[in-house]
Amino acid sequence: MNIQSIFTYDLSHLKSSKKVLFVYLLKGRTKNDGLIKKFKGSFLVQSCFIIPQKNALEIEEIFNEWGIKYNRYDVNILTRK
């Protein structure tokens, strides 16, 4: 099974400077990789990304530390051979 976790999140309550820092944490900046790449995930659209389910708890901890509102959806990705 290929279970992935899709996260959506809302940064509207943060000040602009905190938003930028949080996005850098997720996406990375210049030479540094962000958490999403580190966890072998990718962004689907703005404020929405997918990662392997085995890494979801670490991401949830980060959202909770930052006080970020989020939703998590676990999905089974079917692939064809």
Protein backbone atom coordinates (compact mmCIF):
# COMPACT_ATOMS: atom_id res chain seq x y z
CA MET A 1 0.00 0.00 0.00
CA ASN A 2 1.12 3.51 -0.76
CA ILE A 3 -0.60 5.59 1.91
CA GLN A 4 0.11 9.31 1.74
CA SER A 5 -1.02 12.23 3.87
CA ILE A 6 -2.35 15.38 2.26
CA PHE A 7 -2.13 18.51 4.39
CA THR A 8 -3.90 21.82 3.90
CA TYR A 9 -3.08 24.72 6.18
CA ASP A 10 -4.05 28.33 6.92
CA LEU A 11 -1.51 31.04 7.73
CA SER A 12 -3.93 33.97 7.66
CA HIS A 13 -3.64 34.58 11.41
CA LEU A 14 0.17 35.00 11.28
CA LYS A 15 2.06 38.24 10.76
CA SER A 16 3.76 38.53 7.37
CA SER A 17 7.24 37.89 8.78
CA LYS A 18 6.10 34.68 10.50
CA LYS A 19 4.38 33.51 7.32
CA VAL A 20 7.62 33.89 5.39
CA LEU A 21 9.59 31.97 8.03
CA PHE A 22 7.08 29.14 8.05
CA VAL A 23 7.06 28.84 4.26
CA TYR A 24 10.88 28.77 4.28
CA LEU A 25 10.68 25.95 6.82
CA LEU A 26 8.41 23.94 4.53
CA LYS A 27 9.84 24.83 1.11
CA GLY A 28 13.41 25.68 1.98
CA ARG A 29 15.45 28.68 0.94
CA THR A 30 18.41 28.99 -1.39
CA LYS A 31 20.71 26.03 -0.67
CA ASN A 32 18.65 24.56 2.17
CA ASP A 33 15.96 21.99 1.47
CA GLY A 34 12.65 22.40 3.24
CA LEU A 35 10.84 19.81 5.28
CA ILE A 36 8.57 18.75 2.44
CA LYS A 37 11.51 17.73 0.26
CA LYS A 38 13.24 16.15 3.26
CA PHE A 39 10.16 14.00 3.86
CA LYS A 40 9.94 13.03 0.17
CA GLY A 41 6.78 15.03 -0.45
CA SER A 42 5.66 17.72 -2.82
CA PHE A 43 3.36 20.71 -2.96
CA LEU A 44 0.11 20.20 -4.84
CA VAL A 45 -1.09 23.82 -4.75
CA GLN A 46 -0.49 26.78 -2.45
CA SER A 47 -1.01 25.74 1.19
CA CYS A 48 -1.43 22.08 0.26
CA PHE A 49 1.17 19.31 0.09
CA ILE A 50 1.44 15.54 0.16
CA ILE A 51 3.97 13.42 2.06
CA PRO A 52 4.31 9.74 2.97
CA GLN A 53 2.05 8.91 5.92
CA LYS A 54 5.03 7.68 7.96
CA ASN A 55 6.21 11.33 8.24
CA ALA A 56 2.83 12.87 9.02
CA LEU A 57 3.21 12.98 12.81
CA GLU A 58 6.41 15.02 12.53
CA ILE A 59 4.63 17.56 10.33
CA GLU A 60 1.68 17.69 12.74
CA GLU A 61 4.07 18.45 15.61
CA ILE A 62 5.51 21.36 13.65
CA PHE A 63 2.06 22.73 12.83
CA ASN A 64 1.11 22.49 16.50
CA GLU A 65 4.35 24.18 17.66
CA TRP A 66 3.66 27.10 15.32
CA GLY A 67 -0.06 27.24 16.16
CA ILE A 68 -1.02 26.58 12.54
CA LYS A 69 -4.54 25.41 11.72
CA TYR A 70 -4.43 22.43 9.37
CA ASN A 71 -6.34 19.47 7.98
CA ARG A 72 -4.86 16.07 7.28
CA TYR A 73 -6.27 13.56 4.82
CA ASP A 74 -4.78 10.07 4.55
CA VAL A 75 -5.18 8.59 1.10
CA ASN A 76 -4.13 5.39 -0.64
CA ILE A 77 -2.41 6.22 -3.91
CA LEU A 78 -2.95 3.61 -6.59
CA THR A 79 -0.26 3.19 -9.21
CA ARG A 80 -0.30 1.28 -12.45
CA LYS A 81 2.55 -0.84 -13.66
